[in-house]
Amino acid sequence: MRIVGGKYKGFRFMPSRNINARPTTDMAKESLINILNSGIGIEGKNCLDLFCGTGNISFELASQGAANITSVDVSNESVLFIKKIFDTLRYSGSFVIKKNVFNWIKENHTIKYDIIFADPPYDIIEIETLPDLILNSDLVHDKTILIIEHRSNFNFIHPKLIKQRKYGQSSFSFFNY
């Protein structure tokens, strides 16, 4: 795997086989970064990566100049790997948390995020509840953008859905607060 743009462009990393994750493809990742940069921008933003898996999106956001990135995953292997890569990159704005994402969202938080990316397992039953859970939490402010990666054959029906982009078997659904 590699970082496709920004300060760390070309940096390669190989997650452990013990990390049970489906990384976002380079094509989809590059498109996501372009959409964000042409919209609200990434540089200087507070970002949240939920179900972060290999850290693929977290590393891209860091490479694009995000001020802070909080990465949350239930997997110990994921958390240890992401911390190791952030240390290797010498990126000091990372907070890597090992916790069930649904439980973590329901906690009290002091940081509001500009960009929230969620890439839950495709077979997760609670995916339909994710937009409301996040958008009704204390993680958002009036300009927060939420992106959820999901199977292309699934479509959110939600009043805050602003657009959807398809990349083969995967799609990104964008929501605003």
N, C-alpha and C. Protein backbone atom coordinates (compact mmCIF):
# COMPACT_ATOMS: atom_id res chain seq x y z
N MET A 1 0.84 -1.16 0.00
CA MET A 1 0.00 0.00 0.00
C MET A 1 0.89 1.23 0.00
N ARG A 2 0.30 2.36 -0.45
CA ARG A 2 1.10 3.57 -0.52
C ARG A 2 0.24 4.80 -0.30
N ILE A 3 0.90 5.90 0.06
CA ILE A 3 0.24 7.19 0.16
C ILE A 3 0.30 7.82 -1.22
N VAL A 4 -0.86 8.26 -1.74
CA VAL A 4 -0.94 8.69 -3.14
C VAL A 4 -0.67 10.16 -3.38
N GLY A 5 -0.67 11.00 -2.35
CA GLY A 5 -0.42 12.42 -2.60
C GLY A 5 0.07 13.15 -1.37
N GLY A 6 0.47 14.40 -1.56
CA GLY A 6 0.86 15.26 -0.46
C GLY A 6 2.29 15.06 0.01
N LYS A 7 2.53 15.49 1.23
CA LYS A 7 3.86 15.51 1.85
C LYS A 7 4.54 14.14 1.87
N TYR A 8 3.77 13.09 2.11
CA TYR A 8 4.33 11.73 2.22
C TYR A 8 4.08 10.90 0.97
N LYS A 9 3.78 11.55 -0.13
CA LYS A 9 3.46 10.84 -1.38
C LYS A 9 4.52 9.79 -1.70
N GLY A 10 4.04 8.59 -2.04
CA GLY A 10 4.94 7.51 -2.41
C GLY A 10 5.37 6.64 -1.25
N PHE A 11 5.12 7.08 -0.02
CA PHE A 11 5.49 6.27 1.15
C PHE A 11 4.72 4.95 1.11
N ARG A 12 5.44 3.84 1.21
CA ARG A 12 4.82 2.51 1.16
C ARG A 12 4.77 1.91 2.55
N PHE A 13 3.69 1.21 2.80
CA PHE A 13 3.52 0.53 4.08
C PHE A 13 2.81 -0.79 3.84
N MET A 14 3.15 -1.76 4.66
CA MET A 14 2.58 -3.10 4.50
C MET A 14 1.94 -3.53 5.81
N PRO A 15 0.60 -3.46 5.88
CA PRO A 15 -0.07 -3.89 7.11
C PRO A 15 0.09 -5.39 7.35
N SER A 16 0.05 -5.76 8.60
CA SER A 16 0.12 -7.16 8.99
C SER A 16 -1.08 -7.92 8.41
N ARG A 17 -0.88 -9.18 8.12
CA ARG A 17 -1.97 -10.03 7.65
C ARG A 17 -3.02 -10.25 8.75
N ASN A 18 -2.66 -9.92 9.98
CA ASN A 18 -3.58 -10.06 11.11
C ASN A 18 -4.62 -8.95 11.16
N ILE A 19 -4.43 -7.91 10.35
CA ILE A 19 -5.41 -6.83 10.30
C ILE A 19 -6.51 -7.22 9.32
N ASN A 20 -7.69 -7.43 9.86
CA ASN A 20 -8.82 -7.84 9.05
C ASN A 20 -9.53 -6.59 8.54
N ALA A 21 -9.07 -6.07 7.40
CA ALA A 21 -9.62 -4.83 6.85
C ALA A 21 -9.64 -4.89 5.33
N ARG A 22 -10.48 -4.07 4.76
CA ARG A 22 -10.59 -3.94 3.32
C ARG A 22 -10.15 -2.51 2.99
N PRO A 23 -8.89 -2.31 2.65
CA PRO A 23 -8.40 -0.95 2.41
C PRO A 23 -9.07 -0.28 1.20
N THR A 24 -9.29 1.01 1.32
CA THR A 24 -9.82 1.80 0.21
C THR A 24 -8.81 1.76 -0.93
N THR A 25 -9.28 1.56 -2.15
CA THR A 25 -8.38 1.48 -3.30
C THR A 25 -7.70 2.82 -3.56
N ASP A 26 -6.54 2.78 -4.22
CA ASP A 26 -5.82 4.02 -4.54
C ASP A 26 -6.67 4.95 -5.39
N MET A 27 -7.40 4.41 -6.36
CA MET A 27 -8.22 5.25 -7.24
C MET A 27 -9.31 5.96 -6.43
N ALA A 28 -10.01 5.23 -5.58
CA ALA A 28 -11.07 5.83 -4.77
C ALA A 28 -10.48 6.82 -3.77
N LYS A 29 -9.36 6.46 -3.17
CA LYS A 29 -8.71 7.31 -2.17
C LYS A 29 -8.27 8.63 -2.80
N GLU A 30 -7.67 8.56 -3.98
CA GLU A 30 -7.22 9.76 -4.68
C GLU A 30 -8.40 10.65 -5.04
N SER A 31 -9.48 10.04 -5.48
CA SER A 31 -10.69 10.80 -5.81
C SER A 31 -11.25 11.48 -4.56
N LEU A 32 -11.31 10.76 -3.46
CA LEU A 32 -11.80 11.33 -2.21
C LEU A 32 -10.98 12.55 -1.81
N ILE A 33 -9.67 12.42 -1.85
CA ILE A 33 -8.79 13.53 -1.48
C ILE A 33 -9.02 14.73 -2.40
N ASN A 34 -9.17 14.48 -3.71
CA ASN A 34 -9.44 15.56 -4.65
C ASN A 34 -10.76 16.26 -4.35
N ILE A 35 -11.80 15.48 -4.03
CA ILE A 35 -13.11 16.06 -3.69
C ILE A 35 -12.99 16.93 -2.45
N LEU A 36 -12.31 16.42 -1.43
CA LEU A 36 -12.16 17.19 -0.19
C LEU A 36 -11.31 18.45 -0.41
N ASN A 37 -10.22 18.32 -1.15
CA ASN A 37 -9.36 19.49 -1.39
C ASN A 37 -10.03 20.55 -2.24
N SER A 38 -10.87 20.14 -3.18
CA SER A 38 -11.56 21.13 -4.01
C SER A 38 -12.78 21.71 -3.29
N GLY A 39 -13.20 21.09 -2.21
CA GLY A 39 -14.33 21.59 -1.42
C GLY A 39 -13.82 22.38 -0.23
N ILE A 40 -13.79 21.75 0.93
CA ILE A 40 -13.40 22.45 2.16
C ILE A 40 -11.90 22.47 2.41
N GLY A 41 -11.15 21.65 1.68
CA GLY A 41 -9.72 21.54 1.92
C GLY A 41 -9.44 20.62 3.10
N ILE A 42 -8.21 20.17 3.19
CA ILE A 42 -7.82 19.26 4.28
C ILE A 42 -6.80 19.92 5.19
N GLU A 43 -5.94 20.74 4.63
CA GLU A 43 -4.87 21.35 5.41
C GLU A 43 -5.43 22.12 6.60
N GLY A 44 -4.87 21.83 7.77
CA GLY A 44 -5.27 22.51 8.99
C GLY A 44 -6.57 22.03 9.61
N LYS A 45 -7.18 21.01 9.06
CA LYS A 45 -8.48 20.52 9.54
C LYS A 45 -8.30 19.45 10.62
N ASN A 46 -9.32 19.34 11.49
CA ASN A 46 -9.41 18.25 12.45
C ASN A 46 -10.17 17.12 11.78
N CYS A 47 -9.57 15.94 11.73
CA CYS A 47 -10.15 14.81 11.00
C CYS A 47 -10.33 13.61 11.91
N LEU A 48 -11.35 12.84 11.59
CA LEU A 48 -11.68 11.63 12.33
C LEU A 48 -11.83 10.48 11.35
N ASP A 49 -11.13 9.38 11.61
CA ASP A 49 -11.19 8.19 10.77
C ASP A 49 -11.74 7.05 11.62
N LEU A 50 -13.01 6.70 11.36
CA LEU A 50 -13.69 5.66 12.13
C LEU A 50 -13.60 4.33 11.39
N PHE A 51 -13.43 3.25 12.12
CA PHE A 51 -13.18 1.92 11.54
C PHE A 51 -11.92 2.03 10.67
N CYS A 52 -10.86 2.55 11.23
CA CYS A 52 -9.68 2.97 10.45
C CYS A 52 -8.87 1.82 9.87
N GLY A 53 -9.02 0.59 10.35
CA GLY A 53 -8.39 -0.57 9.73
C GLY A 53 -6.89 -0.45 9.57
N THR A 54 -6.42 -0.29 8.34
CA THR A 54 -4.99 -0.20 8.05
C THR A 54 -4.44 1.22 8.25
N GLY A 55 -5.31 2.19 8.46
CA GLY A 55 -4.86 3.58 8.59
C GLY A 55 -4.70 4.28 7.26
N ASN A 56 -5.05 3.60 6.20
CA ASN A 56 -4.91 4.09 4.83
C ASN A 56 -5.40 5.54 4.66
N ILE A 57 -6.62 5.83 5.11
CA ILE A 57 -7.20 7.17 4.97
C ILE A 57 -6.53 8.13 5.95
N SER A 58 -6.26 7.69 7.16
CA SER A 58 -5.58 8.54 8.15
C SER A 58 -4.25 9.04 7.61
N PHE A 59 -3.49 8.16 6.98
CA PHE A 59 -2.17 8.55 6.46
C PHE A 59 -2.31 9.55 5.30
N GLU A 60 -3.32 9.37 4.46
CA GLU A 60 -3.56 10.32 3.37
C GLU A 60 -3.91 11.70 3.93
N LEU A 61 -4.77 11.73 4.94
CA LEU A 61 -5.15 13.01 5.54
C LEU A 61 -3.94 13.70 6.16
N ALA A 62 -3.08 12.93 6.81
CA ALA A 62 -1.84 13.49 7.38
C ALA A 62 -0.96 14.06 6.28
N SER A 63 -0.85 13.33 5.19
CA SER A 63 -0.02 13.75 4.07
C SER A 63 -0.53 15.04 3.43
N GLN A 64 -1.84 15.26 3.53
CA GLN A 64 -2.46 16.46 2.97
C GLN A 64 -2.45 17.64 3.94
N GLY A 65 -1.85 17.47 5.11
CA GLY A 65 -1.69 18.58 6.04
C GLY A 65 -2.77 18.74 7.09
N ALA A 66 -3.53 17.69 7.37
CA ALA A 66 -4.52 17.77 8.44
C ALA A 66 -3.83 18.14 9.75
N ALA A 67 -4.47 19.01 10.53
CA ALA A 67 -3.87 19.45 11.80
C ALA A 67 -3.84 18.32 12.80
N ASN A 68 -4.96 17.60 12.90
CA ASN A 68 -5.09 16.49 13.84
C ASN A 68 -5.91 15.39 13.20
N ILE A 69 -5.56 14.16 13.53
CA ILE A 69 -6.31 13.01 13.05
C ILE A 69 -6.53 12.07 14.22
N THR A 70 -7.80 11.76 14.47
CA THR A 70 -8.14 10.75 15.45
C THR A 70 -8.57 9.52 14.67
N SER A 71 -7.92 8.40 14.94
CA SER A 71 -8.20 7.13 14.26
C SER A 71 -8.74 6.16 15.29
N VAL A 72 -9.92 5.59 15.02
CA VAL A 72 -10.57 4.70 16.00
C VAL A 72 -10.86 3.35 15.35
N ASP A 73 -10.46 2.29 16.04
CA ASP A 73 -10.75 0.93 15.58
C ASP A 73 -10.75 0.01 16.79
N VAL A 74 -11.50 -1.06 16.71
CA VAL A 74 -11.60 -2.03 17.80
C VAL A 74 -10.42 -3.01 17.80
N SER A 75 -9.70 -3.09 16.70
CA SER A 75 -8.62 -4.07 16.55
C SER A 75 -7.30 -3.57 17.14
N ASN A 76 -6.76 -4.37 18.05
CA ASN A 76 -5.46 -4.04 18.64
C ASN A 76 -4.37 -4.01 17.58
N GLU A 77 -4.41 -4.96 16.63
CA GLU A 77 -3.40 -5.00 15.56
C GLU A 77 -3.44 -3.72 14.73
N SER A 78 -4.64 -3.24 14.42
CA SER A 78 -4.78 -2.00 13.65
C SER A 78 -4.19 -0.82 14.41
N VAL A 79 -4.55 -0.70 15.66
CA VAL A 79 -4.09 0.42 16.48
C VAL A 79 -2.56 0.44 16.58
N LEU A 80 -1.96 -0.71 16.87
CA LEU A 80 -0.51 -0.78 16.98
C LEU A 80 0.17 -0.44 15.66
N PHE A 81 -0.38 -0.95 14.54
CA PHE A 81 0.20 -0.68 13.24
C PHE A 81 0.11 0.81 12.89
N ILE A 82 -1.04 1.42 13.11
CA ILE A 82 -1.23 2.83 12.77
C ILE A 82 -0.31 3.72 13.61
N LYS A 83 -0.18 3.42 14.90
CA LYS A 83 0.74 4.18 15.75
C LYS A 83 2.17 4.08 15.21
N LYS A 84 2.56 2.88 14.80
CA LYS A 84 3.91 2.66 14.28
C LYS A 84 4.15 3.49 13.01
N ILE A 85 3.19 3.51 12.11
CA ILE A 85 3.37 4.27 10.87
C ILE A 85 3.38 5.77 11.14
N PHE A 86 2.49 6.26 12.00
CA PHE A 86 2.52 7.69 12.35
C PHE A 86 3.87 8.06 12.97
N ASP A 87 4.43 7.18 13.81
CA ASP A 87 5.76 7.43 14.38
C ASP A 87 6.82 7.47 13.28
N THR A 88 6.74 6.53 12.34
CA THR A 88 7.69 6.50 11.22
C THR A 88 7.61 7.79 10.39
N LEU A 89 6.38 8.27 10.18
CA LEU A 89 6.18 9.51 9.40
C LEU A 89 6.54 10.76 10.21
N ARG A 90 6.71 10.59 11.52
CA ARG A 90 6.95 11.70 12.44
C ARG A 90 5.81 12.71 12.41
N TYR A 91 4.61 12.18 12.28
CA TYR A 91 3.40 13.01 12.29
C TYR A 91 2.92 13.11 13.73
N SER A 92 2.92 14.31 14.28
CA SER A 92 2.65 14.48 15.71
C SER A 92 1.17 14.75 16.04
N GLY A 93 0.31 14.91 15.04
CA GLY A 93 -1.08 15.25 15.30
C GLY A 93 -2.02 14.06 15.35
N SER A 94 -1.50 12.88 15.67
CA SER A 94 -2.35 11.68 15.63
C SER A 94 -2.77 11.25 17.03
N PHE A 95 -4.01 10.77 17.10
CA PHE A 95 -4.56 10.17 18.30
C PHE A 95 -5.19 8.86 17.84
N VAL A 96 -4.63 7.74 18.28
CA VAL A 96 -5.10 6.43 17.83
C VAL A 96 -5.76 5.74 19.02
N ILE A 97 -7.02 5.37 18.84
CA ILE A 97 -7.84 4.88 19.94
C ILE A 97 -8.35 3.47 19.63
N LYS A 98 -8.14 2.56 20.57
CA LYS A 98 -8.67 1.19 20.45
C LYS A 98 -9.99 1.13 21.20
N LYS A 99 -11.07 1.11 20.46
CA LYS A 99 -12.39 1.07 21.07
C LYS A 99 -13.42 0.70 20.02
N ASN A 100 -14.53 0.12 20.47
CA ASN A 100 -15.67 -0.10 19.59
C ASN A 100 -16.16 1.26 19.11
N VAL A 101 -16.24 1.46 17.81
CA VAL A 101 -16.58 2.76 17.24
C VAL A 101 -17.95 3.24 17.71
N PHE A 102 -18.94 2.39 17.70
CA PHE A 102 -20.29 2.80 18.11
C PHE A 102 -20.30 3.28 19.56
N ASN A 103 -19.59 2.60 20.43
CA ASN A 103 -19.50 3.03 21.84
C ASN A 103 -18.73 4.33 21.96
N TRP A 104 -17.64 4.47 21.21
CA TRP A 104 -16.81 5.67 21.28
C TRP A 104 -17.60 6.90 20.83
N ILE A 105 -18.38 6.78 19.77
CA ILE A 105 -19.17 7.92 19.28
C ILE A 105 -20.12 8.43 20.36
N LYS A 106 -20.66 7.54 21.16
CA LYS A 106 -21.66 7.90 22.19
C LYS A 106 -21.04 8.56 23.42
N GLU A 107 -19.71 8.55 23.53
CA GLU A 107 -19.05 9.18 24.67
C GLU A 107 -19.08 10.70 24.53
N ASN A 108 -18.69 11.41 25.60
CA ASN A 108 -18.57 12.87 25.53
C ASN A 108 -17.22 13.23 24.92
N HIS A 109 -17.25 14.17 23.99
CA HIS A 109 -16.04 14.58 23.29
C HIS A 109 -15.90 16.10 23.34
N THR A 110 -14.67 16.56 23.40
CA THR A 110 -14.43 18.00 23.39
C THR A 110 -14.01 18.51 22.01
N ILE A 111 -13.48 17.63 21.17
CA ILE A 111 -13.04 18.04 19.83
C ILE A 111 -14.19 17.90 18.86
N LYS A 112 -14.37 18.93 18.04
CA LYS A 112 -15.32 18.89 16.92
C LYS A 112 -14.49 18.67 15.66
N TYR A 113 -14.98 17.84 14.78
CA TYR A 113 -14.21 17.47 13.59
C TYR A 113 -14.77 18.16 12.34
N ASP A 114 -13.86 18.55 11.46
CA ASP A 114 -14.22 19.16 10.18
C ASP A 114 -14.56 18.08 9.16
N ILE A 115 -13.78 17.00 9.19
CA ILE A 115 -13.96 15.88 8.26
C ILE A 115 -14.04 14.60 9.07
N ILE A 116 -15.11 13.83 8.84
CA ILE A 116 -15.26 12.53 9.48
C ILE A 116 -15.41 11.49 8.38
N PHE A 117 -14.52 10.51 8.38
CA PHE A 117 -14.56 9.42 7.41
C PHE A 117 -14.85 8.13 8.17
N ALA A 118 -15.83 7.37 7.70
CA ALA A 118 -16.16 6.09 8.33
C ALA A 118 -16.18 5.00 7.26
N ASP A 119 -15.44 3.94 7.52
CA ASP A 119 -15.36 2.81 6.59
C ASP A 119 -15.67 1.52 7.35
N PRO A 120 -16.95 1.36 7.73
CA PRO A 120 -17.30 0.17 8.51
C PRO A 120 -17.22 -1.09 7.66
N PRO A 121 -17.14 -2.25 8.30
CA PRO A 121 -17.21 -3.50 7.52
C PRO A 121 -18.47 -3.49 6.66
N TYR A 122 -18.36 -3.95 5.44
CA TYR A 122 -19.48 -3.90 4.51
C TYR A 122 -20.69 -4.69 4.99
N ASP A 123 -20.47 -5.70 5.81
CA ASP A 123 -21.59 -6.52 6.25
C ASP A 123 -22.19 -6.07 7.59
N ILE A 124 -21.79 -4.90 8.05
CA ILE A 124 -22.28 -4.43 9.35
C ILE A 124 -23.77 -4.08 9.25
N ILE A 125 -24.54 -4.58 10.18
CA ILE A 125 -25.99 -4.39 10.17
C ILE A 125 -26.36 -2.93 10.47
N GLU A 126 -25.59 -2.27 11.33
CA GLU A 126 -25.93 -0.94 11.82
C GLU A 126 -25.57 0.19 10.85
N ILE A 127 -25.17 -0.11 9.62
CA ILE A 127 -24.71 0.95 8.72
C ILE A 127 -25.77 2.03 8.51
N GLU A 128 -27.03 1.66 8.46
CA GLU A 128 -28.09 2.65 8.24
C GLU A 128 -28.21 3.64 9.39
N THR A 129 -27.79 3.24 10.58
CA THR A 129 -27.89 4.13 11.75
C THR A 129 -26.69 5.06 11.88
N LEU A 130 -25.63 4.77 11.14
CA LEU A 130 -24.38 5.51 11.30
C LEU A 130 -24.49 7.01 11.04
N PRO A 131 -25.13 7.46 9.95
CA PRO A 131 -25.21 8.92 9.74
C PRO A 131 -25.87 9.65 10.91
N ASP A 132 -27.02 9.18 11.38
CA ASP A 132 -27.69 9.85 12.49
C ASP A 132 -26.88 9.78 13.77
N LEU A 133 -26.27 8.63 14.03
CA LEU A 133 -25.46 8.49 15.23
C LEU A 133 -24.34 9.52 15.25
N ILE A 134 -23.66 9.68 14.13
CA ILE A 134 -22.54 10.63 14.05
C ILE A 134 -23.04 12.07 14.01
N LEU A 135 -24.01 12.36 13.14
CA LEU A 135 -24.47 13.74 12.96
C LEU A 135 -25.23 14.28 14.17
N ASN A 136 -25.71 13.41 15.04
CA ASN A 136 -26.38 13.84 16.27
C ASN A 136 -25.46 13.79 17.49
N SER A 137 -24.18 13.54 17.26
CA SER A 137 -23.22 13.46 18.37
C SER A 137 -22.56 14.82 18.58
N ASP A 138 -21.72 14.89 19.60
CA ASP A 138 -20.98 16.12 19.85
C ASP A 138 -19.66 16.17 19.07
N LEU A 139 -19.51 15.31 18.08
CA LEU A 139 -18.30 15.28 17.24
C LEU A 139 -18.36 16.29 16.10
N VAL A 140 -19.54 16.83 15.82
CA VAL A 140 -19.74 17.66 14.62
C VAL A 140 -20.01 19.12 14.97
N HIS A 141 -19.75 19.98 13.98
CA HIS A 141 -20.14 21.39 14.05
C HIS A 141 -20.89 21.69 12.77
N ASP A 142 -21.29 22.91 12.56
CA ASP A 142 -22.18 23.23 11.44
C ASP A 142 -21.55 23.11 10.06
N LYS A 143 -20.24 22.88 9.98
CA LYS A 143 -19.60 22.72 8.67
C LYS A 143 -18.93 21.35 8.50
N THR A 144 -19.21 20.43 9.39
CA THR A 144 -18.63 19.10 9.32
C THR A 144 -19.11 18.37 8.07
N ILE A 145 -18.17 17.69 7.42
CA ILE A 145 -18.49 16.80 6.30
C ILE A 145 -18.27 15.37 6.78
N LEU A 146 -19.27 14.53 6.58
CA LEU A 146 -19.19 13.11 6.92
C LEU A 146 -19.17 12.31 5.63
N ILE A 147 -18.22 11.40 5.52
CA ILE A 147 -18.13 10.50 4.37
C ILE A 147 -18.19 9.08 4.91
N ILE A 148 -19.09 8.28 4.34
CA ILE A 148 -19.17 6.87 4.71
C ILE A 148 -18.90 6.03 3.48
N GLU A 149 -17.91 5.13 3.58
CA GLU A 149 -17.62 4.18 2.50
C GLU A 149 -18.49 2.94 2.73
N HIS A 150 -19.07 2.44 1.63
CA HIS A 150 -19.96 1.29 1.71
C HIS A 150 -20.04 0.59 0.36
N ARG A 151 -20.71 -0.54 0.33
CA ARG A 151 -20.92 -1.28 -0.92
C ARG A 151 -21.70 -0.41 -1.90
N SER A 152 -21.36 -0.53 -3.17
CA SER A 152 -22.04 0.26 -4.19
C SER A 152 -23.51 -0.12 -4.36
N ASN A 153 -23.89 -1.31 -3.97
CA ASN A 153 -25.29 -1.71 -4.13
C ASN A 153 -26.16 -1.27 -2.96
N PHE A 154 -25.59 -0.51 -2.03
CA PHE A 154 -26.35 0.04 -0.90
C PHE A 154 -26.49 1.54 -1.11
N ASN A 155 -27.69 2.07 -0.87
CA ASN A 155 -27.91 3.51 -0.99
C ASN A 155 -28.54 4.05 0.29
N PHE A 156 -27.93 5.09 0.83
CA PHE A 156 -28.51 5.76 1.99
C PHE A 156 -29.70 6.60 1.53
N ILE A 157 -30.74 6.59 2.32
CA ILE A 157 -31.84 7.54 2.14
C ILE A 157 -31.83 8.37 3.40
N HIS A 158 -31.35 9.61 3.27
CA HIS A 158 -31.13 10.45 4.45
C HIS A 158 -31.23 11.91 4.04
N PRO A 159 -31.87 12.76 4.84
CA PRO A 159 -32.04 14.16 4.47
C PRO A 159 -30.74 14.96 4.38
N LYS A 160 -29.68 14.50 5.02
CA LYS A 160 -28.41 15.22 5.00
C LYS A 160 -27.43 14.68 3.95
N LEU A 161 -27.86 13.68 3.17
CA LEU A 161 -27.03 13.14 2.09
C LEU A 161 -26.91 14.19 1.00
N ILE A 162 -25.67 14.55 0.63
CA ILE A 162 -25.49 15.58 -0.40
C ILE A 162 -24.99 15.01 -1.73
N LYS A 163 -24.24 13.91 -1.70
CA LYS A 163 -23.81 13.28 -2.95
C LYS A 163 -23.25 11.91 -2.66
N GLN A 164 -23.17 11.13 -3.75
CA GLN A 164 -22.61 9.79 -3.66
C GLN A 164 -21.70 9.59 -4.87
N ARG A 165 -20.56 8.95 -4.64
CA ARG A 165 -19.62 8.64 -5.72
C ARG A 165 -19.33 7.15 -5.69
N LYS A 166 -19.39 6.51 -6.86
CA LYS A 166 -19.17 5.07 -6.96
C LYS A 166 -17.81 4.78 -7.60
N TYR A 167 -17.14 3.78 -7.04
CA TYR A 167 -15.83 3.32 -7.52
C TYR A 167 -15.85 1.81 -7.51
N GLY A 168 -16.37 1.22 -8.56
CA GLY A 168 -16.47 -0.24 -8.63
C GLY A 168 -17.42 -0.76 -7.58
N GLN A 169 -16.94 -1.63 -6.70
CA GLN A 169 -17.76 -2.24 -5.66
C GLN A 169 -17.97 -1.33 -4.44
N SER A 170 -17.25 -0.20 -4.41
CA SER A 170 -17.32 0.71 -3.26
C SER A 170 -17.93 2.04 -3.65
N SER A 171 -18.56 2.67 -2.69
CA SER A 171 -19.12 4.01 -2.87
C SER A 171 -18.80 4.86 -1.66
N PHE A 172 -18.75 6.18 -1.88
CA PHE A 172 -18.65 7.15 -0.81
C PHE A 172 -19.95 7.92 -0.79
N SER A 173 -20.58 8.01 0.37
CA SER A 173 -21.75 8.86 0.55
C SER A 173 -21.32 10.03 1.43
N PHE A 174 -21.64 11.24 0.96
CA PHE A 174 -21.25 12.48 1.63
C PHE A 174 -22.48 13.09 2.30
N PHE A 175 -22.31 13.48 3.56
CA PHE A 175 -23.37 14.10 4.34
C PHE A 175 -22.86 15.40 4.92
N ASN A 176 -23.74 16.38 5.07
CA ASN A 176 -23.35 17.58 5.80
C ASN A 176 -24.22 17.73 7.03
N TYR A 177 -23.74 18.53 7.96
CA TYR A 177 -24.46 18.72 9.21
C TYR A 177 -25.58 19.71 8.96
